[in-house]
């Protein structure tokens, strides 16, 4: 799996890239010590993420997206 950037164009023309990066994942346990489930029966997890950002000028964003399209 890959974490990909989402890009947002800001009012001043700057392009902000944001992507979540998974740091830790834990399966939650029920009171009896067995793997826990949510109300719908799906496995219950606790996770930590960290946001990674990048700031690009409009020209840098164009160059980067053109390069990605050519590969």
Protein backbone atom coordinates (compact mmCIF):
# COMPACT_ATOMS: atom_id res chain seq x y z
CA UNK A 1 0.00 0.00 0.00
CA UNK A 2 1.05 3.56 -0.57
CA UNK A 3 0.11 6.81 1.05
CA UNK A 4 -0.45 9.40 -1.65
CA UNK A 5 -0.55 13.16 -1.42
CA UNK A 6 -3.77 15.12 -1.82
CA UNK A 7 -3.11 18.53 -3.32
CA UNK A 8 -4.92 21.76 -2.53
CA UNK A 9 -4.58 25.04 -4.38
CA UNK A 10 -4.52 27.95 -1.94
CA UNK A 11 -5.80 31.47 -2.61
CA UNK A 12 -2.27 32.82 -3.17
CA UNK A 13 -1.50 30.16 -5.82
CA UNK A 14 0.59 27.97 -3.52
CA UNK A 15 -0.11 24.26 -3.78
CA UNK A 16 -0.25 22.35 -0.49
CA UNK A 17 0.30 18.59 -0.53
CA UNK A 18 -0.89 16.55 2.45
CA UNK A 19 -0.68 12.81 3.07
CA UNK A 20 -1.35 10.70 6.14
CA UNK A 21 1.35 8.23 7.14
CA UNK A 22 0.40 5.27 9.33
CA UNK A 23 2.63 5.18 12.42
CA UNK A 24 1.09 2.40 14.55
CA UNK A 25 -1.87 0.03 14.36
CA UNK A 26 -3.23 -2.03 17.26
CA UNK A 27 -6.11 -4.50 17.30
CA UNK A 28 -8.33 -3.63 20.24
CA UNK A 29 -9.14 -6.31 22.78
CA UNK A 30 -12.47 -6.97 24.44
CA UNK A 31 -12.92 -7.26 28.22
CA UNK A 32 -12.24 -10.98 27.96
CA UNK A 33 -8.86 -10.40 26.28
CA UNK A 34 -10.02 -11.66 22.88
CA UNK A 35 -9.86 -9.46 19.76
CA UNK A 36 -12.59 -6.84 19.97
CA UNK A 37 -15.22 -5.90 17.43
CA UNK A 38 -17.23 -2.75 16.82
CA UNK A 39 -21.03 -2.53 17.12
CA UNK A 40 -21.39 -3.72 13.53
CA UNK A 41 -19.19 -6.77 14.15
CA UNK A 42 -16.20 -5.42 12.20
CA UNK A 43 -12.75 -5.80 13.80
CA UNK A 44 -11.87 -2.82 16.03
CA UNK A 45 -8.50 -1.10 15.63
CA UNK A 46 -6.69 1.84 17.16
CA UNK A 47 -4.29 3.64 14.87
CA UNK A 48 -1.95 6.63 14.90
CA UNK A 49 -1.19 8.69 11.84
CA UNK A 50 1.08 11.61 11.13
CA UNK A 51 0.40 14.18 8.43
CA UNK A 52 3.26 14.89 6.05
CA UNK A 53 3.03 18.12 4.07
CA UNK A 54 4.80 19.73 1.15
CA UNK A 55 4.45 23.25 -0.20
CA UNK A 56 4.89 23.84 -3.92
CA UNK A 57 4.74 26.80 -6.24
CA UNK A 58 2.31 26.41 -9.15
CA UNK A 59 5.28 25.87 -11.51
CA UNK A 60 6.79 23.17 -9.27
CA UNK A 61 3.43 21.39 -9.16
CA UNK A 62 3.10 21.46 -12.97
CA UNK A 63 6.61 20.06 -13.43
CA UNK A 64 5.97 17.33 -10.87
CA UNK A 65 2.60 16.26 -12.34
CA UNK A 66 3.98 16.30 -15.91
CA UNK A 67 6.88 14.08 -14.79
CA UNK A 68 4.48 11.65 -13.09
CA UNK A 69 2.34 11.42 -16.25
CA UNK A 70 5.39 10.56 -18.38
CA UNK A 71 6.53 7.69 -16.14
